[in-house]
C-alpha atoms as a PDB file:
ATOM      1  CA  MET A   1       9.986  -9.377   3.557  1.00  0.00           C
ATOM      2  CA  PRO A   2      10.700  -5.634   3.798  1.00  0.00           C
ATOM      3  CA  SER A   3      10.547  -3.908   7.155  1.00  0.00           C
ATOM      4  CA  PHE A   4      10.817  -0.362   8.461  1.00  0.00           C
ATOM      5  CA  GLY A   5      14.088   1.047   9.725  1.00  0.00           C
ATOM      6  CA  SER A   6      14.323   3.114  12.903  1.00  0.00           C
ATOM      7  CA  LYS A   7      13.770   6.480  11.153  1.00  0.00           C
ATOM      8  CA  SER A   8      10.655   5.212   9.407  1.00  0.00           C
ATOM      9  CA  LYS A   9       9.338   3.744  12.662  1.00  0.00           C
ATOM     10  CA  ALA A  10       9.903   7.066  14.454  1.00  0.00           C
ATOM     11  CA  ALA A  11       8.081   9.048  11.740  1.00  0.00           C
ATOM     12  CA  LEU A  12       5.258   6.504  11.568  1.00  0.00           C
ATOM     13  CA  ALA A  13       4.784   6.624  15.352  1.00  0.00           C
ATOM     14  CA  LYS A  14       3.733  10.288  14.954  1.00  0.00           C
ATOM     15  CA  CYS A  15       0.981   9.351  12.460  1.00  0.00           C
ATOM     16  CA  HIS A  16      -2.695   8.785  13.078  1.00  0.00           C
ATOM     17  CA  PRO A  17      -3.373   5.114  13.919  1.00  0.00           C
ATOM     18  CA  LEU A  18      -5.287   4.640  10.641  1.00  0.00           C
ATOM     19  CA  LEU A  19      -2.206   5.696   8.655  1.00  0.00           C
ATOM     20  CA  GLN A  20      -0.022   3.466  10.794  1.00  0.00           C
ATOM     21  CA  ALA A  21      -2.266   0.501  10.015  1.00  0.00           C
ATOM     22  CA  ILE A  22      -2.122   1.193   6.266  1.00  0.00           C
ATOM     23  CA  ALA A  23       1.670   1.544   6.254  1.00  0.00           C
ATOM     24  CA  ASN A  24       2.192  -1.532   8.414  1.00  0.00           C
ATOM     25  CA  GLU A  25       0.122  -3.615   6.024  1.00  0.00           C
ATOM     26  CA  ALA A  26       1.751  -2.111   2.917  1.00  0.00           C
ATOM     27  CA  ILE A  27       5.316  -2.834   4.079  1.00  0.00           C
ATOM     28  CA  LYS A  28       4.441  -6.531   3.898  1.00  0.00           C
ATOM     29  CA  GLU A  29       3.965  -6.113   0.130  1.00  0.00           C
ATOM     30  CA  ILE A  30       6.302  -3.360  -1.013  1.00  0.00           C
ATOM     31  CA  ASP A  31       9.497  -1.786   0.309  1.00  0.00           C
ATOM     32  CA  PHE A  32       9.401   1.903   1.217  1.00  0.00           C
ATOM     33  CA  MET A  33      10.487   4.414   3.833  1.00  0.00           C
ATOM     34  CA  VAL A  34       8.381   6.854   5.824  1.00  0.00           C
ATOM     35  CA  LEU A  35      10.284  10.116   5.417  1.00  0.00           C
ATOM     36  CA  ASP A  36       8.079  12.508   7.320  1.00  0.00           C
ATOM     37  CA  SER A  37       4.824  12.832   9.228  1.00  0.00           C
ATOM     38  CA  THR A  38       4.160  15.570  11.800  1.00  0.00           C
ATOM     39  CA  ARG A  39       5.779  18.901  10.943  1.00  0.00           C
ATOM     40  CA  GLY A  40       6.098  21.803  13.320  1.00  0.00           C
ATOM     41  CA  ARG A  41       6.073  25.427  12.213  1.00  0.00           C
ATOM     42  CA  VAL A  42       9.767  25.622  11.291  1.00  0.00           C
ATOM     43  CA  ASP A  43       9.778  22.403   9.251  1.00  0.00           C
ATOM     44  CA  GLN A  44       6.504  23.244   7.499  1.00  0.00           C
ATOM     45  CA  GLU A  45       7.654  26.746   6.541  1.00  0.00           C
ATOM     46  CA  ARG A  46      10.962  25.278   5.320  1.00  0.00           C
ATOM     47  CA  ALA A  47       9.072  22.767   3.170  1.00  0.00           C
ATOM     48  CA  PHE A  48       6.883  25.574   1.804  1.00  0.00           C
ATOM     49  CA  ALA A  49       9.850  27.868   1.090  1.00  0.00           C
ATOM     50  CA  GLY A  50      11.716  25.017  -0.616  1.00  0.00           C
ATOM     51  CA  GLY A  51       8.768  24.206  -2.868  1.00  0.00           C
ATOM     52  CA  LYS A  52       8.228  20.791  -1.274  1.00  0.00           C
ATOM     53  CA  SER A  53       4.830  21.794   0.092  1.00  0.00           C
ATOM     54  CA  LYS A  54       2.075  24.027  -1.229  1.00  0.00           C
ATOM     55  CA  ALA A  55       0.860  24.742   2.305  1.00  0.00           C
ATOM     56  CA  ARG A  56       2.065  27.066   5.007  1.00  0.00           C
ATOM     57  CA  PHE A  57       2.023  26.065   8.666  1.00  0.00           C
ATOM     58  CA  GLY A  58      -1.519  25.401   9.862  1.00  0.00           C
ATOM     59  CA  GLN A  59      -2.720  24.557   6.345  1.00  0.00           C
ATOM     60  CA  SER A  60      -1.092  21.134   6.002  1.00  0.00           C
ATOM     61  CA  ALA A  61      -2.259  17.708   7.115  1.00  0.00           C
ATOM     62  CA  HIS A  62       1.316  17.307   8.397  1.00  0.00           C
ATOM     63  CA  ASN A  63       0.620  19.932  11.078  1.00  0.00           C
ATOM     64  CA  TYR A  64      -1.837  17.777  13.039  1.00  0.00           C
ATOM     65  CA  VAL A  65      -0.817  15.738  16.067  1.00  0.00           C
ATOM     66  CA  PRO A  66      -1.008  12.904  15.342  1.00  0.00           C
ATOM     67  CA  ALA A  67      -0.224  13.542  11.682  1.00  0.00           C
ATOM     68  CA  ILE A  68      -2.939  12.818   9.167  1.00  0.00           C
ATOM     69  CA  ALA A  69      -0.357  12.783   6.360  1.00  0.00           C
ATOM     70  CA  PHE A  70       2.922  11.066   5.701  1.00  0.00           C
ATOM     71  CA  ASP A  71       5.632  11.295   3.063  1.00  0.00           C
ATOM     72  CA  LEU A  72       6.714   7.965   1.641  1.00  0.00           C
ATOM     73  CA  PHE A  73       9.732   7.019  -0.490  1.00  0.00           C
ATOM     74  CA  PRO A  74       9.596   3.740  -2.436  1.00  0.00           C
ATOM     75  CA  ALA A  75      12.487   1.379  -3.039  1.00  0.00           C
ATOM     76  CA  PRO A  76      14.565   1.373  -5.134  1.00  0.00           C
ATOM     77  CA  TYR A  77      15.372   4.802  -3.719  1.00  0.00           C
ATOM     78  CA  ASP A  78      15.523   6.996  -6.808  1.00  0.00           C
ATOM     79  CA  TRP A  79      13.575  10.269  -6.945  1.00  0.00           C
ATOM     80  CA  ASN A  80      13.265   9.907 -10.731  1.00  0.00           C
ATOM     81  CA  ASN A  81      11.725   6.411 -10.637  1.00  0.00           C
ATOM     82  CA  THR A  82       8.093   7.362 -11.191  1.00  0.00           C
ATOM     83  CA  LYS A  83       7.100   3.710 -11.636  1.00  0.00           C
ATOM     84  CA  ALA A  84       8.187   2.936  -8.058  1.00  0.00           C
ATOM     85  CA  PHE A  85       6.106   5.860  -6.758  1.00  0.00           C
ATOM     86  CA  ASN A  86       3.086   4.753  -8.785  1.00  0.00           C
ATOM     87  CA  ASP A  87       3.463   1.151  -7.609  1.00  0.00           C
ATOM     88  CA  LEU A  88       3.617   2.301  -3.981  1.00  0.00           C
ATOM     89  CA  ALA A  89       0.605   4.568  -4.470  1.00  0.00           C
ATOM     90  CA  ALA A  90      -1.410   1.672  -5.898  1.00  0.00           C
ATOM     91  CA  VAL A  91      -0.664  -0.511  -2.858  1.00  0.00           C
ATOM     92  CA  ILE A  92      -1.318   2.266  -0.312  1.00  0.00           C
ATOM     93  CA  MET A  93      -4.575   3.344  -1.959  1.00  0.00           C
ATOM     94  CA  ARG A  94      -5.834  -0.244  -2.326  1.00  0.00           C
ATOM     95  CA  ILE A  95      -5.210  -0.933   1.356  1.00  0.00           C
ATOM     96  CA  ALA A  96      -6.793   2.364   2.428  1.00  0.00           C
ATOM     97  CA  LYS A  97      -9.887   1.620   0.335  1.00  0.00           C
ATOM     98  CA  ALA A  98     -10.163  -1.918   1.739  1.00  0.00           C
ATOM     99  CA  LYS A  99      -9.995  -0.498   5.268  1.00  0.00           C
ATOM    100  CA  GLY A 100     -12.564   2.192   4.456  1.00  0.00           C
ATOM    101  CA  THR A 101     -10.031   4.937   5.197  1.00  0.00           C
ATOM    102  CA  PRO A 102     -10.369   7.998   2.953  1.00  0.00           C
ATOM    103  CA  LEU A 103      -6.949   8.911   1.610  1.00  0.00           C
ATOM    104  CA  ARG A 104      -5.601  11.216  -1.076  1.00  0.00           C
ATOM    105  CA  TRP A 105      -2.282  10.558  -2.765  1.00  0.00           C
ATOM    106  CA  GLY A 106      -0.340  13.817  -3.130  1.00  0.00           C
ATOM    107  CA  GLY A 107       1.185  12.672  -6.400  1.00  0.00           C
ATOM    108  CA  ASP A 108      -2.220  12.840  -8.116  1.00  0.00           C
END
């Protein structure tokens, strides 16, 4: 069974408890990493400047403490493997719906 590494655990610990619950249930079904959660001003502006975010600091769900957003990376770890991202999204969204947690997948 997949499990989170230390970096994923550290990022997940900064997430809202509802997101933590979704991720902790999903990891039992599908392997993925939690890349990011809470972003401060510098990290958010860097993400915006690099085109990895459409939001400036204060406009992103990553800027809340605890974070109400997280960035996930599915295994096998290949940025071009859209099927892996879609498979992960399906699991995450199904679990969120079952828990009654409203969630939007950024890849939509």
